[in-house]
């Protein structure tokens, strides 16, 4: 059986708030503002930093070993519901308590856009066939299912690249002196998908094993 657990975006924790332009919580989640590029003059030429300051963000899922009853859950994938305006998510790390399960690094431009309502239909309803034509950039599958030990945490790094502000070529125009559009990341939720052993299938397996012992194959 498959289960999903999500936590709301208002639970977002910021690791280094001093590197950000600001943050604010709303009823629908947390909004993060990143600093706009700072112009520097190097060898007489105007230059912007390629990557602006960012921060790690952390979200804990309300999950324990007994969330799904007396059965061991296996973590299958994690999902972030977000929207990026002139910024991006570059890294996602998944933890089980103190231990890191898997790192998704150098995500590049893949994790940009409006994904506030993007979820794989097969994650919402396991009986629903997976979409053969759509990919879900905000859902990251583990290389192999992880047997849960304590509690799941999702950490991700986000920032603004100069390329993210490249509206009508302004980012590469030496004569452009601003203003740049605001760089805003909106987080509405984070969650994960788990596989849990079906108790009925376990019972059936045990009965079949006993039957083979008593009666024979």
N, C-alpha and C. Protein backbone atom coordinates (compact mmCIF):
# COMPACT_ATOMS: atom_id res chain seq x y z
N UNK A 1 0.84 -1.19 0.00
CA UNK A 1 0.00 0.00 0.00
C UNK A 1 0.89 1.24 0.00
N UNK A 2 0.37 2.31 -0.57
CA UNK A 2 1.13 3.55 -0.62
C UNK A 2 0.40 4.65 0.15
N UNK A 3 1.17 5.43 0.90
CA UNK A 3 0.62 6.54 1.66
C UNK A 3 1.43 7.81 1.37
N UNK A 4 0.78 8.96 1.52
CA UNK A 4 1.46 10.24 1.41
C UNK A 4 1.25 11.02 2.70
N UNK A 5 2.29 11.72 3.13
CA UNK A 5 2.21 12.62 4.28
C UNK A 5 2.77 13.98 3.88
N UNK A 6 2.07 15.04 4.27
CA UNK A 6 2.53 16.39 3.94
C UNK A 6 2.50 17.27 5.19
N UNK A 7 3.38 18.27 5.18
CA UNK A 7 3.34 19.31 6.20
C UNK A 7 3.18 20.65 5.49
N UNK A 8 2.50 21.59 6.15
CA UNK A 8 2.16 22.86 5.50
C UNK A 8 3.37 23.78 5.44
N UNK A 9 3.35 24.68 4.45
CA UNK A 9 4.47 25.58 4.23
C UNK A 9 4.72 26.58 5.35
N UNK A 10 3.75 26.78 6.22
CA UNK A 10 3.97 27.69 7.35
C UNK A 10 4.96 27.12 8.35
N UNK A 11 5.29 25.83 8.23
CA UNK A 11 6.25 25.19 9.14
C UNK A 11 7.70 25.34 8.67
N UNK A 12 7.92 26.04 7.59
CA UNK A 12 9.27 26.19 7.04
C UNK A 12 10.22 26.85 8.02
N UNK A 13 11.42 26.28 8.14
CA UNK A 13 12.48 26.86 8.98
C UNK A 13 13.60 27.36 8.08
N UNK A 14 14.11 28.56 8.38
CA UNK A 14 15.17 29.19 7.59
C UNK A 14 16.48 29.07 8.33
N UNK A 15 17.52 28.53 7.69
CA UNK A 15 18.80 28.32 8.37
C UNK A 15 19.58 29.63 8.55
N UNK A 16 19.62 30.47 7.51
CA UNK A 16 20.38 31.73 7.60
C UNK A 16 19.51 32.89 7.11
N UNK A 17 18.59 33.35 7.93
CA UNK A 17 17.69 34.43 7.50
C UNK A 17 18.41 35.74 7.19
N UNK A 18 19.61 35.92 7.75
CA UNK A 18 20.34 37.17 7.52
C UNK A 18 20.83 37.31 6.08
N UNK A 19 20.87 36.21 5.33
CA UNK A 19 21.31 36.30 3.94
C UNK A 19 20.17 36.62 2.98
N UNK A 20 18.95 36.71 3.49
CA UNK A 20 17.78 36.93 2.65
C UNK A 20 17.34 38.39 2.69
N UNK A 21 16.55 38.76 1.69
CA UNK A 21 15.97 40.10 1.69
C UNK A 21 14.77 40.18 2.63
N UNK A 22 14.17 39.03 2.92
CA UNK A 22 13.03 39.01 3.83
C UNK A 22 12.26 37.71 3.72
N UNK A 23 11.35 37.51 4.66
CA UNK A 23 10.47 36.34 4.64
C UNK A 23 9.20 36.68 5.39
N UNK A 24 8.12 36.03 5.00
CA UNK A 24 6.84 36.29 5.65
C UNK A 24 5.96 35.06 5.53
N UNK A 25 5.24 34.77 6.60
CA UNK A 25 4.31 33.64 6.61
C UNK A 25 2.89 34.13 6.36
N UNK A 26 2.18 33.39 5.54
CA UNK A 26 0.79 33.65 5.23
C UNK A 26 -0.02 32.39 5.53
N UNK A 27 -1.32 32.49 5.37
CA UNK A 27 -2.16 31.31 5.60
C UNK A 27 -1.88 30.20 4.62
N UNK A 28 -1.37 30.55 3.44
CA UNK A 28 -1.13 29.54 2.41
C UNK A 28 0.32 29.09 2.35
N UNK A 29 1.19 29.58 3.25
CA UNK A 29 2.57 29.11 3.24
C UNK A 29 3.55 30.19 3.64
N UNK A 30 4.79 30.06 3.16
CA UNK A 30 5.86 31.00 3.48
C UNK A 30 6.40 31.60 2.19
N UNK A 31 6.62 32.90 2.22
CA UNK A 31 7.17 33.61 1.07
C UNK A 31 8.57 34.12 1.41
N UNK A 32 9.54 33.79 0.57
CA UNK A 32 10.94 34.14 0.77
C UNK A 32 11.36 35.14 -0.30
N UNK A 33 12.03 36.23 0.11
CA UNK A 33 12.55 37.21 -0.84
C UNK A 33 14.08 37.15 -0.84
N UNK A 34 14.66 37.05 -2.03
CA UNK A 34 16.11 36.99 -2.16
C UNK A 34 16.66 38.35 -2.60
N UNK A 35 17.89 38.66 -2.21
CA UNK A 35 18.48 39.93 -2.62
C UNK A 35 18.66 39.98 -4.14
N UNK A 36 18.49 41.16 -4.71
CA UNK A 36 18.73 41.33 -6.13
C UNK A 36 20.23 41.48 -6.37
N UNK A 37 20.71 41.26 -7.59
CA UNK A 37 22.15 41.32 -7.85
C UNK A 37 22.74 42.70 -7.51
N UNK A 38 23.97 42.65 -7.03
CA UNK A 38 24.69 43.87 -6.69
C UNK A 38 25.71 44.16 -7.78
N UNK A 39 25.70 45.37 -8.30
CA UNK A 39 26.62 45.75 -9.36
C UNK A 39 28.00 46.03 -8.79
N UNK A 40 29.01 45.44 -9.41
CA UNK A 40 30.40 45.71 -9.06
C UNK A 40 31.14 46.18 -10.31
N UNK A 41 32.15 46.99 -10.13
CA UNK A 41 32.97 47.44 -11.25
C UNK A 41 34.34 46.78 -11.12
N UNK A 42 34.66 45.92 -12.10
CA UNK A 42 35.93 45.19 -12.11
C UNK A 42 36.67 45.54 -13.38
N UNK A 43 37.88 46.09 -13.21
CA UNK A 43 38.69 46.53 -14.36
C UNK A 43 37.92 47.50 -15.24
N UNK A 44 37.12 48.34 -14.58
CA UNK A 44 36.38 49.35 -15.30
C UNK A 44 35.11 48.86 -15.96
N UNK A 45 34.77 47.56 -15.75
CA UNK A 45 33.59 46.98 -16.38
C UNK A 45 32.54 46.65 -15.33
N UNK A 46 31.25 46.93 -15.63
CA UNK A 46 30.19 46.57 -14.67
C UNK A 46 29.97 45.06 -14.68
N UNK A 47 29.98 44.45 -13.50
CA UNK A 47 29.85 43.00 -13.38
C UNK A 47 28.88 42.67 -12.25
N UNK A 48 27.99 41.71 -12.49
CA UNK A 48 27.10 41.19 -11.46
C UNK A 48 27.56 39.79 -11.07
N UNK A 49 27.43 39.47 -9.79
CA UNK A 49 27.72 38.10 -9.36
C UNK A 49 26.80 37.13 -10.08
N UNK A 50 27.35 35.99 -10.49
CA UNK A 50 26.54 34.99 -11.19
C UNK A 50 25.47 34.40 -10.29
N UNK A 51 25.83 34.16 -9.02
CA UNK A 51 24.90 33.56 -8.06
C UNK A 51 24.77 34.48 -6.86
N UNK A 52 23.55 34.82 -6.50
CA UNK A 52 23.31 35.66 -5.34
C UNK A 52 23.24 34.85 -4.06
N UNK A 53 23.21 35.54 -2.91
CA UNK A 53 23.13 34.82 -1.63
C UNK A 53 21.81 34.09 -1.48
N UNK A 54 21.88 32.94 -0.84
CA UNK A 54 20.68 32.14 -0.61
C UNK A 54 20.70 31.55 0.79
N UNK A 55 19.95 30.49 0.99
CA UNK A 55 19.89 29.86 2.30
C UNK A 55 19.40 28.44 2.16
N UNK A 56 19.72 27.62 3.17
CA UNK A 56 19.10 26.31 3.32
C UNK A 56 17.78 26.49 4.07
N UNK A 57 16.81 25.70 3.69
CA UNK A 57 15.49 25.70 4.33
C UNK A 57 15.17 24.28 4.75
N UNK A 58 14.40 24.15 5.84
CA UNK A 58 14.15 22.82 6.40
C UNK A 58 12.66 22.65 6.71
N UNK A 59 12.16 21.44 6.39
CA UNK A 59 10.78 21.09 6.71
C UNK A 59 10.74 19.66 7.24
N UNK A 60 10.10 19.48 8.38
CA UNK A 60 9.97 18.16 8.99
C UNK A 60 8.59 17.59 8.71
N UNK A 61 8.54 16.31 8.40
CA UNK A 61 7.26 15.65 8.14
C UNK A 61 6.71 15.04 9.43
N UNK A 62 5.39 15.12 9.63
CA UNK A 62 4.79 14.59 10.86
C UNK A 62 4.66 13.08 10.81
N UNK A 63 5.80 12.39 10.76
CA UNK A 63 5.78 10.94 10.59
C UNK A 63 6.61 10.26 11.67
N UNK A 64 6.13 9.13 12.12
CA UNK A 64 6.86 8.29 13.07
C UNK A 64 6.75 6.85 12.60
N UNK A 65 7.43 5.96 13.27
CA UNK A 65 7.37 4.55 12.90
C UNK A 65 5.97 3.98 13.03
N UNK A 66 5.16 4.56 13.92
CA UNK A 66 3.81 4.03 14.15
C UNK A 66 2.74 4.82 13.41
N UNK A 67 3.15 5.76 12.57
CA UNK A 67 2.16 6.53 11.81
C UNK A 67 1.27 5.61 10.99
N UNK A 68 1.86 4.55 10.46
CA UNK A 68 1.13 3.63 9.59
C UNK A 68 0.77 2.33 10.32
N UNK A 69 0.71 2.39 11.64
CA UNK A 69 0.39 1.19 12.39
C UNK A 69 1.65 0.40 12.70
N UNK A 70 1.50 -0.87 12.95
CA UNK A 70 2.63 -1.72 13.34
C UNK A 70 3.32 -2.32 12.12
N UNK A 71 3.62 -1.48 11.17
CA UNK A 71 4.29 -1.93 9.95
C UNK A 71 5.39 -0.94 9.60
N UNK A 72 6.48 -1.43 9.09
CA UNK A 72 7.62 -0.59 8.76
C UNK A 72 7.39 0.13 7.42
N UNK A 73 7.33 1.46 7.44
CA UNK A 73 7.17 2.20 6.18
C UNK A 73 8.51 2.34 5.45
N UNK A 74 8.44 2.35 4.14
CA UNK A 74 9.61 2.58 3.30
C UNK A 74 9.40 3.88 2.53
N UNK A 75 10.32 4.82 2.70
CA UNK A 75 10.22 6.09 2.00
C UNK A 75 10.53 5.88 0.52
N UNK A 76 9.65 6.40 -0.33
CA UNK A 76 9.78 6.20 -1.77
C UNK A 76 10.22 7.47 -2.49
N UNK A 77 9.64 8.63 -2.13
CA UNK A 77 9.96 9.88 -2.81
C UNK A 77 9.53 11.05 -1.94
N UNK A 78 10.02 12.24 -2.28
CA UNK A 78 9.64 13.47 -1.57
C UNK A 78 9.13 14.48 -2.59
N UNK A 79 8.27 15.37 -2.11
CA UNK A 79 7.64 16.36 -2.99
C UNK A 79 7.64 17.73 -2.33
N UNK A 80 7.97 18.75 -3.10
CA UNK A 80 7.86 20.14 -2.66
C UNK A 80 6.82 20.84 -3.53
N UNK A 81 5.93 21.58 -2.90
CA UNK A 81 4.96 22.40 -3.62
C UNK A 81 5.40 23.84 -3.51
N UNK A 82 5.77 24.46 -4.62
CA UNK A 82 6.40 25.78 -4.57
C UNK A 82 6.18 26.55 -5.87
N UNK A 83 6.53 27.82 -5.80
CA UNK A 83 6.56 28.69 -6.99
C UNK A 83 7.81 29.55 -6.92
N UNK A 84 8.51 29.66 -8.03
CA UNK A 84 9.71 30.50 -8.08
C UNK A 84 9.49 31.67 -9.02
N UNK A 85 9.85 32.85 -8.57
CA UNK A 85 9.89 34.04 -9.40
C UNK A 85 11.31 34.59 -9.35
N UNK A 86 12.04 34.43 -10.45
CA UNK A 86 13.41 34.93 -10.57
C UNK A 86 14.33 34.32 -9.51
N UNK A 87 14.14 33.03 -9.21
CA UNK A 87 15.01 32.29 -8.29
C UNK A 87 14.85 30.82 -8.60
N UNK A 88 15.56 29.98 -7.85
CA UNK A 88 15.50 28.55 -8.13
C UNK A 88 15.91 27.73 -6.90
N UNK A 89 15.50 26.48 -6.88
CA UNK A 89 15.95 25.50 -5.88
C UNK A 89 17.05 24.69 -6.53
N UNK A 90 18.23 24.64 -5.90
CA UNK A 90 19.38 23.99 -6.51
C UNK A 90 19.73 22.65 -5.87
N UNK A 91 19.36 22.44 -4.61
CA UNK A 91 19.72 21.21 -3.91
C UNK A 91 18.57 20.78 -3.00
N UNK A 92 18.35 19.48 -2.92
CA UNK A 92 17.37 18.91 -1.99
C UNK A 92 18.03 17.72 -1.29
N UNK A 93 18.04 17.75 0.05
CA UNK A 93 18.60 16.65 0.83
C UNK A 93 17.50 16.05 1.70
N UNK A 94 17.50 14.74 1.81
CA UNK A 94 16.46 14.02 2.56
C UNK A 94 17.12 13.31 3.74
N UNK A 95 16.55 13.49 4.92
CA UNK A 95 17.10 12.93 6.15
C UNK A 95 16.11 11.99 6.82
N UNK A 96 16.67 11.01 7.50
CA UNK A 96 15.92 10.18 8.45
C UNK A 96 16.58 10.41 9.80
N UNK A 97 16.00 11.29 10.60
CA UNK A 97 16.64 11.68 11.85
C UNK A 97 17.98 12.34 11.57
N UNK A 98 19.05 11.83 12.19
CA UNK A 98 20.38 12.40 12.03
C UNK A 98 21.03 12.01 10.70
N UNK A 99 20.57 10.92 10.10
CA UNK A 99 21.24 10.35 8.93
C UNK A 99 20.65 10.88 7.62
N UNK A 100 21.54 11.22 6.70
CA UNK A 100 21.08 11.64 5.38
C UNK A 100 20.80 10.42 4.53
N UNK A 101 19.66 10.43 3.85
CA UNK A 101 19.25 9.29 3.03
C UNK A 101 19.76 9.45 1.61
N UNK A 102 19.52 10.64 1.05
CA UNK A 102 19.96 10.88 -0.32
C UNK A 102 20.06 12.37 -0.58
N UNK A 103 21.03 12.75 -1.42
CA UNK A 103 21.21 14.14 -1.84
C UNK A 103 20.84 14.27 -3.32
N UNK A 104 20.08 15.31 -3.62
CA UNK A 104 19.79 15.67 -5.01
C UNK A 104 20.44 17.03 -5.23
N UNK A 105 21.57 17.04 -5.91
CA UNK A 105 22.37 18.25 -6.06
C UNK A 105 22.40 18.71 -7.51
N UNK A 106 22.81 19.98 -7.68
CA UNK A 106 22.98 20.56 -9.02
C UNK A 106 21.72 20.39 -9.87
N UNK A 107 20.59 20.77 -9.28
CA UNK A 107 19.33 20.64 -10.00
C UNK A 107 19.19 21.66 -11.12
N UNK A 108 20.03 22.70 -11.09
CA UNK A 108 20.04 23.67 -12.19
C UNK A 108 18.73 24.37 -12.38
N UNK A 109 18.30 24.47 -13.63
CA UNK A 109 17.06 25.18 -13.95
C UNK A 109 15.85 24.25 -13.89
N UNK A 110 16.08 22.98 -13.52
CA UNK A 110 14.99 22.01 -13.54
C UNK A 110 13.92 22.37 -12.51
N UNK A 111 14.35 22.86 -11.36
CA UNK A 111 13.40 23.15 -10.29
C UNK A 111 13.03 24.63 -10.25
N UNK A 112 12.41 25.07 -11.32
CA UNK A 112 11.88 26.43 -11.39
C UNK A 112 10.47 26.38 -11.94
N UNK A 113 9.67 27.41 -11.61
CA UNK A 113 8.33 27.51 -12.15
C UNK A 113 7.26 27.42 -11.08
N UNK A 114 6.01 27.37 -11.53
CA UNK A 114 4.87 27.29 -10.63
C UNK A 114 4.47 25.83 -10.47
N UNK A 115 4.83 25.25 -9.33
CA UNK A 115 4.53 23.85 -9.04
C UNK A 115 3.73 23.74 -7.74
N UNK A 116 2.94 24.74 -7.47
CA UNK A 116 2.13 24.76 -6.25
C UNK A 116 1.03 23.70 -6.28
N UNK A 117 0.59 23.32 -7.47
CA UNK A 117 -0.49 22.34 -7.61
C UNK A 117 -0.06 21.14 -8.43
N UNK A 118 1.24 20.89 -8.48
CA UNK A 118 1.76 19.80 -9.31
C UNK A 118 2.04 18.56 -8.46
N UNK A 119 1.22 17.53 -8.66
CA UNK A 119 1.44 16.24 -7.99
C UNK A 119 1.11 15.12 -8.96
N UNK A 120 1.93 14.09 -8.92
CA UNK A 120 1.71 12.93 -9.76
C UNK A 120 0.40 12.27 -9.34
N UNK A 121 -0.47 12.02 -10.30
CA UNK A 121 -1.77 11.42 -10.00
C UNK A 121 -1.61 10.06 -9.33
N UNK A 122 -0.53 9.35 -9.63
CA UNK A 122 -0.30 8.04 -9.01
C UNK A 122 0.08 8.18 -7.55
N UNK A 123 0.62 9.35 -7.14
CA UNK A 123 0.92 9.59 -5.74
C UNK A 123 -0.34 9.94 -4.97
N UNK A 124 -1.25 10.67 -5.62
CA UNK A 124 -2.51 11.04 -4.97
C UNK A 124 -3.40 9.82 -4.81
N UNK A 125 -3.45 9.00 -5.86
CA UNK A 125 -4.26 7.78 -5.84
C UNK A 125 -3.43 6.65 -6.44
N UNK A 126 -2.90 5.73 -5.61
CA UNK A 126 -2.04 4.66 -6.12
C UNK A 126 -2.70 3.78 -7.16
N UNK A 127 -4.04 3.73 -7.17
CA UNK A 127 -4.74 2.93 -8.16
C UNK A 127 -4.82 3.62 -9.52
N UNK A 128 -4.45 4.91 -9.54
CA UNK A 128 -4.51 5.69 -10.78
C UNK A 128 -3.24 5.41 -11.58
N UNK A 129 -3.33 5.15 -12.86
CA UNK A 129 -2.11 4.86 -13.64
C UNK A 129 -1.22 6.09 -13.73
N UNK A 130 0.10 5.91 -13.63
CA UNK A 130 1.01 7.05 -13.74
C UNK A 130 0.95 7.68 -15.11
N UNK A 131 1.21 9.00 -15.14
CA UNK A 131 1.15 9.72 -16.41
C UNK A 131 2.33 9.33 -17.28
N UNK A 132 2.09 8.88 -18.52
CA UNK A 132 3.21 8.48 -19.38
C UNK A 132 3.89 9.66 -20.06
N UNK A 133 3.25 10.83 -20.04
CA UNK A 133 3.77 11.97 -20.80
C UNK A 133 4.26 13.11 -19.93
N UNK A 134 3.91 13.11 -18.64
CA UNK A 134 4.29 14.22 -17.77
C UNK A 134 5.41 13.82 -16.82
N UNK A 135 6.29 14.76 -16.56
CA UNK A 135 7.30 14.59 -15.52
C UNK A 135 7.03 15.63 -14.45
N UNK A 136 7.34 15.30 -13.22
CA UNK A 136 7.05 16.16 -12.09
C UNK A 136 8.37 16.56 -11.43
N UNK A 137 8.83 17.77 -11.79
CA UNK A 137 10.14 18.22 -11.32
C UNK A 137 10.19 18.37 -9.82
N UNK A 138 9.03 18.56 -9.19
CA UNK A 138 9.01 18.79 -7.74
C UNK A 138 8.89 17.50 -6.94
N UNK A 139 8.84 16.35 -7.60
CA UNK A 139 8.86 15.06 -6.91
C UNK A 139 10.16 14.36 -7.24
N UNK A 140 10.92 14.02 -6.20
CA UNK A 140 12.23 13.41 -6.37
C UNK A 140 12.18 11.99 -5.79
N UNK A 141 12.39 11.01 -6.64
CA UNK A 141 12.35 9.62 -6.20
C UNK A 141 13.70 9.15 -5.70
N UNK A 142 13.70 8.39 -4.61
CA UNK A 142 14.94 7.82 -4.09
C UNK A 142 15.46 6.74 -5.03
N UNK A 143 16.76 6.54 -5.01
CA UNK A 143 17.34 5.48 -5.83
C UNK A 143 16.79 4.12 -5.45
N UNK A 144 16.51 3.95 -4.14
CA UNK A 144 15.87 2.72 -3.67
C UNK A 144 15.06 3.07 -2.43
N UNK A 145 13.95 2.37 -2.18
CA UNK A 145 13.14 2.67 -0.99
C UNK A 145 13.96 2.58 0.29
N UNK A 146 13.69 3.50 1.21
CA UNK A 146 14.44 3.56 2.47
C UNK A 146 13.55 3.13 3.63
N UNK A 147 13.99 2.12 4.38
CA UNK A 147 13.25 1.67 5.55
C UNK A 147 13.39 2.72 6.65
N UNK A 148 12.27 3.29 7.07
CA UNK A 148 12.29 4.42 7.99
C UNK A 148 12.73 3.99 9.39
N UNK A 149 13.58 4.86 10.00
CA UNK A 149 14.10 4.58 11.33
C UNK A 149 13.48 5.49 12.39
N UNK A 150 13.36 6.81 12.07
CA UNK A 150 12.82 7.73 13.10
C UNK A 150 11.84 8.73 12.51
N UNK A 151 12.32 9.78 11.86
CA UNK A 151 11.44 10.80 11.30
C UNK A 151 12.11 11.42 10.08
N UNK A 152 11.31 11.83 9.11
CA UNK A 152 11.83 12.33 7.84
C UNK A 152 11.89 13.87 7.84
N UNK A 153 13.03 14.38 7.37
CA UNK A 153 13.21 15.82 7.20
C UNK A 153 13.66 16.11 5.77
N UNK A 154 13.16 17.21 5.20
CA UNK A 154 13.53 17.63 3.85
C UNK A 154 14.23 18.98 3.96
N UNK A 155 15.45 19.05 3.46
CA UNK A 155 16.21 20.30 3.44
C UNK A 155 16.49 20.67 1.99
N UNK A 156 16.38 21.95 1.67
CA UNK A 156 16.67 22.38 0.31
C UNK A 156 17.33 23.75 0.31
N UNK A 157 18.16 23.97 -0.70
CA UNK A 157 18.86 25.25 -0.85
C UNK A 157 18.25 26.00 -2.02
N UNK A 158 18.01 27.29 -1.82
CA UNK A 158 17.44 28.12 -2.87
C UNK A 158 18.18 29.45 -2.90
N UNK A 159 18.26 30.03 -4.09
CA UNK A 159 18.92 31.32 -4.27
C UNK A 159 18.50 31.89 -5.62
N UNK A 160 19.05 33.04 -5.97
CA UNK A 160 18.75 33.68 -7.24
C UNK A 160 20.04 33.80 -8.05
N UNK A 161 20.01 33.32 -9.29
CA UNK A 161 21.11 33.48 -10.22
C UNK A 161 20.88 34.75 -11.04
N UNK A 162 21.96 35.32 -11.56
CA UNK A 162 21.79 36.49 -12.42
C UNK A 162 20.93 36.13 -13.63
N UNK A 163 21.04 34.87 -14.09
CA UNK A 163 20.23 34.43 -15.23
C UNK A 163 18.74 34.45 -14.90
N UNK A 164 18.40 34.30 -13.63
CA UNK A 164 16.99 34.30 -13.25
C UNK A 164 16.36 35.69 -13.42
N UNK A 165 17.19 36.72 -13.48
CA UNK A 165 16.69 38.09 -13.65
C UNK A 165 16.79 38.55 -15.10
N UNK A 166 17.15 37.64 -15.98
CA UNK A 166 17.42 38.02 -17.35
C UNK A 166 16.12 38.25 -18.12
N UNK A 167 15.43 39.32 -17.75
CA UNK A 167 14.19 39.71 -18.41
C UNK A 167 14.53 40.64 -19.57
N UNK A 168 14.21 40.20 -20.76
CA UNK A 168 14.50 40.98 -21.98
C UNK A 168 15.98 41.33 -22.09
N UNK A 169 16.83 40.42 -21.62
CA UNK A 169 18.26 40.61 -21.76
C UNK A 169 18.88 41.61 -20.82
N UNK A 170 18.15 42.07 -19.82
CA UNK A 170 18.68 43.09 -18.92
C UNK A 170 19.90 42.61 -18.14
N UNK A 171 19.93 41.32 -17.81
CA UNK A 171 21.02 40.82 -16.96
C UNK A 171 22.37 40.94 -17.64
N UNK A 172 22.38 41.00 -18.97
CA UNK A 172 23.65 41.06 -19.70
C UNK A 172 23.84 42.42 -20.38
N UNK A 173 23.04 43.36 -20.02
CA UNK A 173 23.17 44.71 -20.59
C UNK A 173 23.99 45.57 -19.64
N UNK A 174 25.22 45.94 -20.00
CA UNK A 174 26.08 46.72 -19.09
C UNK A 174 25.52 48.09 -18.77
N UNK A 175 24.56 48.55 -19.58
CA UNK A 175 23.97 49.86 -19.33
C UNK A 175 22.77 49.80 -18.38
N UNK A 176 22.31 48.56 -18.11
CA UNK A 176 21.13 48.42 -17.25
C UNK A 176 21.53 48.61 -15.79
N UNK A 177 20.87 49.53 -15.12
CA UNK A 177 21.19 49.79 -13.71
C UNK A 177 19.99 49.57 -12.80
N UNK A 178 19.06 48.75 -13.24
CA UNK A 178 17.92 48.38 -12.40
C UNK A 178 16.68 49.21 -12.69
N UNK A 179 15.62 48.95 -11.91
CA UNK A 179 15.60 47.91 -10.86
C UNK A 179 15.33 46.52 -11.43
N UNK A 180 15.88 45.51 -10.75
CA UNK A 180 15.59 44.13 -11.11
C UNK A 180 14.24 43.75 -10.52
N UNK A 181 13.54 42.81 -11.13
CA UNK A 181 12.28 42.34 -10.56
C UNK A 181 12.54 41.59 -9.26
N UNK A 182 11.57 41.55 -8.36
CA UNK A 182 11.77 40.84 -7.08
C UNK A 182 11.94 39.34 -7.29
N UNK A 183 12.85 38.75 -6.51
CA UNK A 183 13.07 37.30 -6.54
C UNK A 183 12.36 36.69 -5.34
N UNK A 184 11.31 35.93 -5.61
CA UNK A 184 10.46 35.42 -4.53
C UNK A 184 10.23 33.93 -4.70
N UNK A 185 10.43 33.20 -3.61
CA UNK A 185 10.13 31.77 -3.55
C UNK A 185 8.94 31.56 -2.61
N UNK A 186 7.93 30.89 -3.09
CA UNK A 186 6.74 30.57 -2.29
C UNK A 186 6.71 29.07 -2.02
N UNK A 187 6.62 28.70 -0.76
CA UNK A 187 6.52 27.29 -0.35
C UNK A 187 5.17 27.07 0.30
N UNK A 188 4.36 26.18 -0.26
CA UNK A 188 3.03 25.92 0.32
C UNK A 188 2.97 24.60 1.08
N UNK A 189 3.85 23.65 0.75
CA UNK A 189 3.82 22.36 1.44
C UNK A 189 5.01 21.52 1.03
N UNK A 190 5.31 20.53 1.85
CA UNK A 190 6.32 19.52 1.53
C UNK A 190 5.81 18.18 2.01
N UNK A 191 6.12 17.14 1.29
CA UNK A 191 5.60 15.84 1.68
C UNK A 191 6.44 14.70 1.16
N UNK A 192 5.97 13.49 1.39
CA UNK A 192 6.69 12.30 0.96
C UNK A 192 5.69 11.17 0.71
N UNK A 193 6.14 10.25 -0.11
CA UNK A 193 5.35 9.07 -0.43
C UNK A 193 6.03 7.84 0.19
N UNK A 194 5.24 7.02 0.85
CA UNK A 194 5.74 5.83 1.53
C UNK A 194 5.07 4.58 0.99
N UNK A 195 5.83 3.51 0.95
CA UNK A 195 5.26 2.19 0.70
C UNK A 195 5.16 1.45 2.04
N UNK A 196 3.99 0.89 2.30
CA UNK A 196 3.76 0.17 3.55
C UNK A 196 3.22 -1.21 3.21
N UNK A 197 3.77 -2.20 3.86
CA UNK A 197 3.36 -3.58 3.58
C UNK A 197 1.90 -3.78 3.94
N UNK A 198 1.16 -4.33 3.02
CA UNK A 198 -0.26 -4.58 3.23
C UNK A 198 -0.41 -5.72 4.25
N UNK A 199 -1.11 -5.47 5.39
CA UNK A 199 -1.24 -6.53 6.40
C UNK A 199 -1.97 -7.75 5.86
N UNK A 200 -2.89 -7.56 4.92
CA UNK A 200 -3.60 -8.70 4.36
C UNK A 200 -2.66 -9.57 3.55
N UNK A 201 -1.76 -8.93 2.77
CA UNK A 201 -0.82 -9.71 1.96
C UNK A 201 0.17 -10.45 2.86
N UNK A 202 0.54 -9.81 3.99
CA UNK A 202 1.41 -10.48 4.95
C UNK A 202 0.72 -11.70 5.52
N UNK A 203 -0.55 -11.54 5.90
CA UNK A 203 -1.33 -12.66 6.44
C UNK A 203 -1.44 -13.78 5.42
N UNK A 204 -1.70 -13.42 4.17
CA UNK A 204 -1.82 -14.42 3.11
C UNK A 204 -0.52 -15.18 2.91
N UNK A 205 0.60 -14.45 2.95
CA UNK A 205 1.91 -15.08 2.79
C UNK A 205 2.18 -16.07 3.91
N UNK A 206 1.85 -15.67 5.14
CA UNK A 206 2.07 -16.54 6.29
C UNK A 206 1.21 -17.79 6.18
N UNK A 207 -0.07 -17.62 5.81
CA UNK A 207 -0.98 -18.76 5.67
C UNK A 207 -0.46 -19.73 4.61
N UNK A 208 0.01 -19.20 3.48
CA UNK A 208 0.52 -20.06 2.42
C UNK A 208 1.75 -20.83 2.89
N UNK A 209 2.60 -20.16 3.65
CA UNK A 209 3.82 -20.81 4.15
C UNK A 209 3.47 -21.95 5.11
N UNK A 210 2.51 -21.70 6.01
CA UNK A 210 2.07 -22.73 6.95
C UNK A 210 1.43 -23.90 6.22
N UNK A 211 0.64 -23.56 5.21
CA UNK A 211 -0.05 -24.60 4.42
C UNK A 211 0.97 -25.51 3.74
N UNK A 212 2.03 -24.91 3.18
CA UNK A 212 3.04 -25.72 2.50
C UNK A 212 3.76 -26.63 3.51
N UNK A 213 3.94 -26.15 4.73
CA UNK A 213 4.61 -26.97 5.75
C UNK A 213 3.74 -28.12 6.18
N UNK A 214 2.44 -27.84 6.40
CA UNK A 214 1.51 -28.85 6.93
C UNK A 214 1.08 -29.84 5.84
N UNK A 215 0.67 -29.31 4.71
CA UNK A 215 0.11 -30.15 3.64
C UNK A 215 1.17 -30.55 2.62
N UNK A 216 2.10 -29.64 2.39
CA UNK A 216 3.11 -29.91 1.38
C UNK A 216 2.82 -29.06 0.14
N UNK A 217 3.80 -28.93 -0.73
CA UNK A 217 3.63 -28.10 -1.92
C UNK A 217 2.61 -28.68 -2.87
